[in-house]
Structures are given as C-alpha cells and as structure tokens.
Amino acid sequence: MNNQNYAATIFADATPEKAYNAIKDFRAWWSEDIEGPTDKLNEEFFYHYKDIHLCKMKLIEMDENSKLVYQVLENEFNFINDKTEWVGTKLIFEISAEENKTKVKFTHEGLVPEYECYEVCNDAWTGYIKNSLYKLITSGKGEPNPKDKEGFNAELAKKWKLD
C-alpha cells in the first residue's frame, strides 16, 4: 500500500490572507486549551485533551498567505500501543486562490492508514478542517474544543470509546 497521508481540502469565500490568519489561530478552530504561540515561526505550542491526547508542535515554515507548516515534536495518545505515532509528522496548510475562492489544502504528512490512530485521527481532522476551520474562515467563528468543557473531542472520545 502506498503511504497515503491524510489530506482534506476546503474552498471558502474569503481571501487567502483571511484563511492564512485563521489557520494560525489554532485556539479559534482546534482547541482553546493550547499553551504557547501558534503563529510565530520556530516557536512551540502545547495542545492537550484530558489525558487522551498530548501534543507539542512547532511552526517551522511560513510563506505569507500561502503556506504554513507545523512539525510534531512530541506526542502521546492514551488509546493506542505506539503512543508517539505523530512524532516527526507535519501539518501542512497550502493556501491558494482558485476560481474566486480560496482553496485550503491540509495534509498531515506522515499520518497514514497503517497507523493505529488513523481512523480516529481521520474523523478528528475531517471535523476540525471541514467544519471548524471552514466556519472560522467564512464566518469568523470556529468550533474549537472549549477550555475545561466538553466539545468535539468529547464526542469523538465517546464515539471511539476512548474516555
């Protein structure tokens, strides 16, 4: 089987600049429970959802209004054997203008079907990119996991019996 990285694409009625700025604001579309800057080159930030998922990332590439790349430095899942599956993978956001819309292609490079977490992560990324990030770009309000409350991650944990 070819290594098929997880990918999702959205098209939004917004400028590439608006999409670029929305993506950098992980607290507005992924989780309000993030520590550290998500929009500064070579800076690290920490995400967690209870003890189910802990992750440290670093913004390693910025191309104004067209590309953002984050590298996973540390990761721990509590529901799979290899708790570090994401370590060394990259979150790549490519932004371009296409037919009066802005195209955002998200690729989680290294997240492949062979990974034990793939199905859970596929569901999660699809929700965050095609729903929350899309809404943030188009309406200015995403649907991140709320701080200290139940949100999308809770629904996902229940679905996959991770809690």
Protein backbone atom coordinates (compact mmCIF):
# COMPACT_ATOMS: atom_id res chain seq x y z
CA MET A 1 0.00 0.00 0.00
CA ASN A 2 1.29 3.46 -0.81
CA ASN A 3 1.72 5.75 2.13
CA GLN A 4 -1.36 7.92 1.77
CA ASN A 5 -1.02 10.94 4.03
CA TYR A 6 -4.27 12.25 5.47
CA ALA A 7 -5.47 15.23 3.42
CA ALA A 8 -8.55 17.44 3.32
CA THR A 9 -9.39 20.39 1.08
CA ILE A 10 -11.86 23.21 1.61
CA PHE A 11 -12.91 26.09 -0.63
CA ALA A 12 -14.01 29.30 1.08
CA ASP A 13 -15.45 32.65 0.07
CA ALA A 14 -12.60 34.56 1.68
CA THR A 15 -9.21 35.99 0.81
CA PRO A 16 -6.05 33.89 1.11
CA GLU A 17 -4.94 36.35 3.80
CA LYS A 18 -8.07 35.68 5.87
CA ALA A 19 -7.57 31.90 5.56
CA TYR A 20 -3.88 32.21 6.45
CA ASN A 21 -4.62 34.23 9.58
CA ALA A 22 -7.43 31.88 10.61
CA ILE A 23 -5.21 28.80 10.30
CA LYS A 24 -2.52 30.34 12.52
CA ASP A 25 -5.11 30.83 15.27
CA PHE A 26 -5.35 27.18 16.42
CA ARG A 27 -7.31 28.26 19.54
CA ALA A 28 -10.12 29.52 17.31
CA TRP A 29 -10.59 26.27 15.35
CA TRP A 30 -8.83 23.34 17.09
CA SER A 31 -8.84 23.85 20.84
CA GLU A 32 -8.99 26.71 23.31
CA ASP A 33 -6.74 24.56 25.52
CA ILE A 34 -3.43 25.39 23.85
CA GLU A 35 -0.42 26.91 25.57
CA GLY A 36 2.13 28.94 23.63
CA PRO A 37 2.09 30.83 20.33
CA THR A 38 0.67 29.06 17.27
CA ASP A 39 1.56 31.90 14.89
CA LYS A 40 5.27 32.53 15.47
CA LEU A 41 7.99 30.90 13.40
CA ASN A 42 10.21 28.45 15.31
CA GLU A 43 8.07 28.73 18.45
CA GLU A 44 6.49 25.73 20.15
CA PHE A 45 2.99 25.24 21.48
CA PHE A 46 1.32 22.53 23.53
CA TYR A 47 -2.12 21.01 22.93
CA HIS A 48 -3.91 18.51 25.11
CA TYR A 49 -7.28 16.91 25.54
CA LYS A 50 -7.59 15.39 29.03
CA ASP A 51 -5.07 12.54 29.15
CA ILE A 52 -6.26 11.19 25.80
CA HIS A 53 -4.01 13.32 23.56
CA LEU A 54 -0.98 15.46 24.40
CA CYS A 55 1.00 17.10 21.64
CA LYS A 56 3.84 19.61 21.26
CA MET A 57 4.23 21.31 17.88
CA LYS A 58 6.46 23.92 16.28
CA LEU A 59 5.76 26.28 13.39
CA ILE A 60 8.67 25.54 11.03
CA GLU A 61 7.66 27.27 7.79
CA MET A 62 5.64 30.37 6.93
CA ASP A 63 5.04 31.67 3.44
CA GLU A 64 2.82 34.75 3.78
CA ASN A 65 -0.78 33.99 2.79
CA SER A 66 0.15 30.75 1.01
CA LYS A 67 1.70 28.11 3.30
CA LEU A 68 2.14 27.10 6.93
CA VAL A 69 3.98 24.00 8.14
CA TYR A 70 3.95 22.70 11.72
CA GLN A 71 6.11 19.82 12.93
CA VAL A 72 5.02 17.47 15.71
CA LEU A 73 7.86 17.35 18.24
CA GLU A 74 6.25 15.24 20.94
CA ASN A 75 3.00 13.32 21.06
CA GLU A 76 1.18 10.93 23.32
CA PHE A 77 -2.09 9.10 22.76
CA ASN A 78 -3.54 7.03 25.60
CA PHE A 79 -5.57 4.73 23.36
CA ILE A 80 -3.02 3.03 21.10
CA ASN A 81 0.09 0.88 21.55
CA ASP A 82 2.61 3.27 19.95
CA LYS A 83 1.63 6.40 21.84
CA THR A 84 4.08 8.51 19.80
CA GLU A 85 2.72 7.83 16.30
CA TRP A 86 2.58 11.51 15.34
CA VAL A 87 6.17 12.37 16.33
CA GLY A 88 8.05 13.75 13.33
CA THR A 89 4.91 14.21 11.22
CA LYS A 90 3.97 17.58 9.73
CA LEU A 91 0.76 19.57 9.44
CA ILE A 92 0.90 21.37 6.08
CA PHE A 93 -1.57 24.06 5.07
CA GLU A 94 -1.37 25.23 1.45
CA ILE A 95 -3.47 28.26 0.54
CA SER A 96 -4.24 29.46 -2.97
CA ALA A 97 -6.80 31.50 -4.89
CA GLU A 98 -8.89 29.37 -7.21
CA GLU A 99 -11.92 30.49 -9.23
CA ASN A 100 -12.95 33.41 -6.96
CA LYS A 101 -12.50 31.27 -3.84
CA THR A 102 -9.65 30.44 -1.53
CA LYS A 103 -8.51 26.83 -1.52
CA VAL A 104 -7.00 25.43 1.66
CA LYS A 105 -5.35 22.05 1.31
CA PHE A 106 -4.45 20.45 4.62
CA THR A 107 -2.08 17.49 4.65
CA HIS A 108 -0.98 15.66 7.77
CA GLU A 109 2.24 14.34 6.27
CA GLY A 110 3.12 11.06 7.94
CA LEU A 111 -0.39 10.28 9.19
CA VAL A 112 -1.03 7.17 7.11
CA PRO A 113 -3.62 4.35 7.14
CA GLU A 114 -1.05 1.96 8.64
CA TYR A 115 -1.13 3.98 11.88
CA GLU A 116 -3.27 2.59 14.68
CA CYS A 117 -4.71 6.07 15.35
CA TYR A 118 -5.55 6.70 11.67
CA GLU A 119 -9.34 6.19 11.80
CA VAL A 120 -9.76 8.31 14.94
CA CYS A 121 -7.41 11.00 13.61
CA ASN A 122 -9.13 10.94 10.20
CA ASP A 123 -12.50 11.63 11.87
CA ALA A 124 -11.00 14.33 14.06
CA TRP A 125 -9.12 16.19 11.31
CA THR A 126 -12.12 16.00 8.98
CA GLY A 127 -14.26 17.68 11.64
CA TYR A 128 -11.71 20.32 12.52
CA ILE A 129 -10.77 21.23 8.94
CA LYS A 130 -14.06 20.85 7.05
CA ASN A 131 -16.24 22.21 9.85
CA SER A 132 -14.44 24.32 12.44
CA LEU A 133 -11.68 25.86 10.32
CA TYR A 134 -14.07 26.36 7.40
CA LYS A 135 -16.51 28.21 9.68
CA LEU A 136 -13.72 30.32 11.15
CA ILE A 137 -12.56 31.36 7.67
CA THR A 138 -16.05 32.04 6.31
CA SER A 139 -17.89 33.43 9.33
CA GLY A 140 -15.16 34.48 11.75
CA LYS A 141 -16.23 31.89 14.34
CA GLY A 142 -14.87 28.34 14.50
CA GLU A 143 -15.92 25.50 16.76
CA PRO A 144 -12.79 24.61 18.74
CA ASN A 145 -12.84 22.39 21.77
CA PRO A 146 -13.79 24.71 24.62
CA LYS A 147 -11.42 25.11 27.52
CA ASP A 148 -12.39 22.93 30.51
CA LYS A 149 -15.67 21.85 28.87
CA GLU A 150 -16.97 19.07 26.68
CA GLY A 151 -16.74 19.68 22.93
CA PHE A 152 -15.91 17.85 19.71
CA ASN A 153 -13.12 15.86 21.35
CA ALA A 154 -15.62 14.56 23.92
CA GLU A 155 -17.94 13.41 21.14
CA LEU A 156 -15.03 11.76 19.35
CA ALA A 157 -13.82 10.08 22.55
CA LYS A 158 -17.34 8.74 23.16
CA LYS A 159 -17.67 7.51 19.56
CA TRP A 160 -14.35 5.69 19.72
CA LYS A 161 -14.78 4.70 23.42
CA LEU A 162 -11.53 6.45 24.36
CA ASP A 163 -12.65 8.03 27.64
